[in-house]
Amino acid sequence: METPVETTRERLLNVAEQRFGEGGYEGTSLRAITVAAAANIAAVNYHFGSKEALLRAAVGRAMAPVNTERRRRLDQLEAAGSPTPEDLIRAFIEPGLELVLRRGERGAVVARFIGRIAFDPSRRIRELYAAESEPVESRYLAALQQALPHASPEAVAFGYLNMLGLLALHQSQALSPTPSVEKAGAEGLGADDPGKLAENLIAFLVAAFNQGLRP
């Protein structure tokens, strides 16, 4: 049985993920979180210290399994020797989209939260998010630059930044088909099938990295 302290902390984190994912950091008041979590400001101060610290804890919890799996896959690829761009892109994308693949509402909430924070207008909040992801992401960027010797490091970095953006858009569910795309058959693109979405996104990115980067 969980102790009251553990229950309150987890409840605050769960609500923070949901509310920050829906309204962003600045658009979500601490009071709205505490009311929804049946807690109070004192509980936030006790467990986290501040609203920003609550966000940092939520980001850390959400990103931990993604970072761990990305690190494991990259270690495995590098141990095997000379991973291809597709190997690296797949190892990076799939753990991020597995948040969506989880059954139930929880996975979608976490994915939307990560995607929203990655695009937060505040540079400070984006830096907070980056602090959790940078150690692993910088390794992937270096590996991609090595796997794409025909492209300049700047070009690979540009492609990598756009890969991050596309993944975050899909995680946050902010990239919705327009009426014309829906009419053309959005269901065939994997919009409602996370597994197909992963394959389509990986194929698109592989083509972009292999053929779309300037030397």
Protein backbone atom coordinates (compact mmCIF):
# COMPACT_ATOMS: atom_id res chain seq x y z
CA MET A 1 0.00 0.00 0.00
CA GLU A 2 1.35 3.43 -0.95
CA THR A 3 2.00 5.97 1.76
CA PRO A 4 0.07 9.27 1.69
CA VAL A 5 3.27 11.14 0.73
CA GLU A 6 3.88 8.89 -2.31
CA THR A 7 0.25 9.18 -3.38
CA THR A 8 0.26 12.97 -3.24
CA ARG A 9 3.53 13.26 -5.14
CA GLU A 10 2.45 10.90 -7.90
CA ARG A 11 -0.94 12.59 -8.15
CA LEU A 12 0.70 15.99 -8.59
CA LEU A 13 3.00 14.62 -11.29
CA ASN A 14 0.14 12.94 -13.14
CA VAL A 15 -1.99 16.08 -13.14
CA ALA A 16 0.99 18.25 -14.10
CA GLU A 17 1.63 16.07 -17.15
CA GLN A 18 -1.96 16.37 -18.24
CA ARG A 19 -2.40 20.10 -17.61
CA PHE A 20 0.99 21.19 -18.97
CA GLY A 21 0.38 19.00 -22.01
CA GLU A 22 -2.96 20.69 -22.65
CA GLY A 23 -2.18 24.32 -21.82
CA GLY A 24 1.59 24.65 -21.81
CA TYR A 25 3.67 25.87 -18.89
CA GLU A 26 2.65 29.54 -18.82
CA GLY A 27 -0.97 28.70 -19.60
CA THR A 28 -1.32 26.39 -16.62
CA SER A 29 -1.58 27.80 -13.12
CA LEU A 30 -0.22 25.99 -10.11
CA ARG A 31 -3.63 26.39 -8.50
CA ALA A 32 -5.29 24.54 -11.37
CA ILE A 33 -2.88 21.65 -10.83
CA THR A 34 -3.34 21.52 -7.07
CA VAL A 35 -7.13 21.68 -7.31
CA ALA A 36 -7.22 18.84 -9.85
CA ALA A 37 -4.79 16.82 -7.74
CA ALA A 38 -6.77 17.43 -4.54
CA ALA A 39 -3.65 18.96 -3.00
CA ASN A 40 -2.45 22.44 -2.04
CA ILE A 41 0.44 24.79 -2.73
CA ALA A 42 2.19 23.63 0.42
CA ALA A 43 2.27 20.08 -0.98
CA VAL A 44 3.95 21.33 -4.16
CA ASN A 45 6.51 23.25 -2.14
CA TYR A 46 7.14 20.23 0.09
CA HIS A 47 7.62 17.69 -2.71
CA PHE A 48 9.16 19.88 -5.43
CA GLY A 49 9.84 23.41 -4.22
CA SER A 50 8.22 25.38 -7.05
CA LYS A 51 6.11 25.17 -10.19
CA GLU A 52 9.23 24.98 -12.36
CA ALA A 53 10.67 22.23 -10.19
CA LEU A 54 7.39 20.31 -10.55
CA LEU A 55 7.71 20.62 -14.32
CA ARG A 56 11.33 19.47 -14.18
CA ALA A 57 10.35 16.40 -12.17
CA ALA A 58 7.52 15.60 -14.58
CA VAL A 59 9.81 15.94 -17.61
CA GLY A 60 12.45 13.79 -15.94
CA ARG A 61 9.95 11.06 -15.15
CA ALA A 62 8.43 11.13 -18.63
CA MET A 63 11.76 11.13 -20.47
CA ALA A 64 13.56 8.54 -18.32
CA PRO A 65 12.26 5.42 -20.12
CA VAL A 66 12.74 7.05 -23.54
CA ASN A 67 16.32 8.07 -22.74
CA THR A 68 17.12 4.65 -21.30
CA GLU A 69 15.83 2.81 -24.35
CA ARG A 70 17.52 5.18 -26.80
CA ARG A 71 20.80 4.79 -24.96
CA ARG A 72 20.47 0.99 -24.92
CA ARG A 73 19.77 0.85 -28.66
CA LEU A 74 22.61 3.18 -29.53
CA ASP A 75 25.07 1.24 -27.37
CA GLN A 76 24.00 -1.93 -29.17
CA LEU A 77 24.34 -0.38 -32.63
CA GLU A 78 27.76 1.09 -31.91
CA ALA A 79 28.99 -2.18 -30.43
CA ALA A 80 27.99 -3.94 -33.68
CA GLY A 81 29.88 -1.30 -35.66
CA SER A 82 29.04 1.31 -38.34
CA PRO A 83 25.28 1.83 -37.89
CA THR A 84 23.46 3.14 -40.96
CA PRO A 85 21.38 6.34 -40.91
CA GLU A 86 18.24 4.18 -40.95
CA ASP A 87 19.50 2.18 -37.95
CA LEU A 88 20.06 5.39 -36.01
CA ILE A 89 16.80 7.06 -37.04
CA ARG A 90 14.79 3.97 -36.10
CA ALA A 91 16.56 3.65 -32.75
CA PHE A 92 15.74 7.28 -32.02
CA ILE A 93 12.15 7.51 -33.31
CA GLU A 94 10.66 4.26 -32.06
CA PRO A 95 11.22 4.87 -28.32
CA GLY A 96 9.63 8.32 -28.69
CA LEU A 97 6.56 6.96 -30.44
CA GLU A 98 6.23 4.02 -28.04
CA LEU A 99 4.67 6.57 -25.68
CA VAL A 100 1.78 6.72 -28.13
CA LEU A 101 1.76 2.95 -28.57
CA ARG A 102 1.08 2.36 -24.91
CA ARG A 103 -2.46 1.22 -24.30
CA GLY A 104 -4.86 3.45 -22.44
CA GLU A 105 -5.00 7.17 -21.94
CA ARG A 106 -1.76 7.41 -19.98
CA GLY A 107 0.54 6.99 -22.96
CA ALA A 108 -1.22 9.67 -25.00
CA VAL A 109 -1.07 12.09 -22.04
CA VAL A 110 2.68 11.60 -21.61
CA ALA A 111 3.36 11.90 -25.34
CA ARG A 112 1.31 15.10 -25.62
CA PHE A 113 3.09 16.52 -22.57
CA ILE A 114 6.58 15.88 -23.98
CA GLY A 115 5.64 17.23 -27.40
CA ARG A 116 4.09 20.38 -25.93
CA ILE A 117 7.02 21.18 -23.63
CA ALA A 118 9.50 20.66 -26.47
CA PHE A 119 7.71 23.47 -28.35
CA ASP A 120 7.06 25.76 -25.39
CA PRO A 121 7.47 29.47 -26.34
CA SER A 122 9.65 30.05 -23.28
CA ARG A 123 13.36 29.53 -23.96
CA ARG A 124 13.83 28.67 -20.29
CA ILE A 125 11.30 25.82 -20.48
CA ARG A 126 12.80 24.48 -23.71
CA GLU A 127 16.22 24.53 -22.03
CA LEU A 128 14.78 22.62 -19.08
CA TYR A 129 13.45 19.99 -21.46
CA ALA A 130 16.73 19.88 -23.35
CA ALA A 131 18.68 19.28 -20.14
CA GLU A 132 16.87 15.95 -19.77
CA SER A 133 17.35 14.85 -23.38
CA GLU A 134 20.68 16.43 -24.42
CA PRO A 135 23.10 13.76 -23.09
CA VAL A 136 21.51 11.04 -25.24
CA GLU A 137 20.48 13.23 -28.17
CA SER A 138 23.98 14.64 -28.63
CA ARG A 139 25.28 11.09 -29.08
CA TYR A 140 22.73 10.45 -31.83
CA LEU A 141 23.68 13.64 -33.62
CA ALA A 142 27.36 12.68 -33.54
CA ALA A 143 26.55 9.17 -34.78
CA LEU A 144 24.45 10.53 -37.66
CA GLN A 145 27.23 12.90 -38.68
CA GLN A 146 29.62 9.97 -38.79
CA ALA A 147 27.15 7.83 -40.75
CA LEU A 148 26.63 10.60 -43.33
CA PRO A 149 30.15 11.64 -44.38
CA HIS A 150 28.87 13.05 -47.69
CA ALA A 151 26.92 15.77 -45.85
CA SER A 152 28.37 18.65 -43.89
CA PRO A 153 28.00 18.58 -40.09
CA GLU A 154 25.80 21.68 -40.37
CA ALA A 155 23.48 19.95 -42.85
CA VAL A 156 23.16 16.88 -40.63
CA ALA A 157 22.45 19.11 -37.64
CA PHE A 158 19.71 20.83 -39.67
CA GLY A 159 18.15 17.47 -40.56
CA TYR A 160 18.44 16.32 -36.96
CA LEU A 161 16.69 19.43 -35.65
CA ASN A 162 13.84 18.82 -38.08
CA MET A 163 13.63 15.19 -36.99
CA LEU A 164 13.18 16.36 -33.41
CA GLY A 165 10.49 18.79 -34.52
CA LEU A 166 8.50 16.23 -36.52
CA LEU A 167 8.62 13.72 -33.68
CA ALA A 168 7.44 16.32 -31.16
CA LEU A 169 4.61 17.38 -33.48
CA HIS A 170 3.33 13.82 -33.71
CA GLN A 171 3.77 13.27 -29.97
CA SER A 172 1.81 16.41 -29.13
CA GLN A 173 -0.85 15.46 -31.71
CA ALA A 174 -0.57 18.99 -33.07
CA LEU A 175 -0.05 17.78 -36.64
CA SER A 176 -3.63 17.09 -37.74
CA PRO A 177 -4.54 16.28 -41.36
CA THR A 178 -6.16 19.11 -43.33
CA PRO A 179 -9.49 18.38 -45.08
CA SER A 180 -7.67 17.83 -48.38
CA VAL A 181 -5.29 15.33 -46.79
CA GLU A 182 -8.17 13.53 -45.11
CA LYS A 183 -9.99 13.37 -48.44
CA ALA A 184 -6.87 11.87 -50.02
CA GLY A 185 -6.89 9.09 -47.44
CA ALA A 186 -5.11 10.08 -44.23
CA GLU A 187 -5.86 6.65 -42.77
CA GLY A 188 -3.30 5.22 -45.16
CA LEU A 189 -0.65 7.50 -43.68
CA GLY A 190 -0.89 5.92 -40.23
CA ALA A 191 -2.67 8.83 -38.53
CA ASP A 192 -4.73 6.40 -36.45
CA ASP A 193 -2.15 3.60 -36.35
CA PRO A 194 0.97 4.41 -34.29
CA GLY A 195 2.85 1.44 -35.75
CA LYS A 196 2.24 2.60 -39.29
CA LEU A 197 2.97 6.18 -38.23
CA ALA A 198 6.40 5.09 -37.00
CA GLU A 199 7.21 3.31 -40.25
CA ASN A 200 6.04 6.24 -42.39
CA LEU A 201 7.96 8.77 -40.32
CA ILE A 202 11.13 6.66 -40.36
CA ALA A 203 10.91 6.15 -44.13
CA PHE A 204 10.40 9.89 -44.66
CA LEU A 205 13.35 10.81 -42.46
CA VAL A 206 15.67 8.19 -43.98
CA ALA A 207 14.98 9.61 -47.44
CA ALA A 208 15.54 13.16 -46.16
CA PHE A 209 18.87 12.30 -44.53
CA ASN A 210 20.16 10.12 -47.38
CA GLN A 211 19.10 12.33 -50.28
CA GLY A 212 17.85 15.68 -48.99
CA LEU A 213 20.92 17.09 -47.24
CA ARG A 214 23.30 19.46 -48.99
CA PRO A 215 26.98 18.45 -49.02
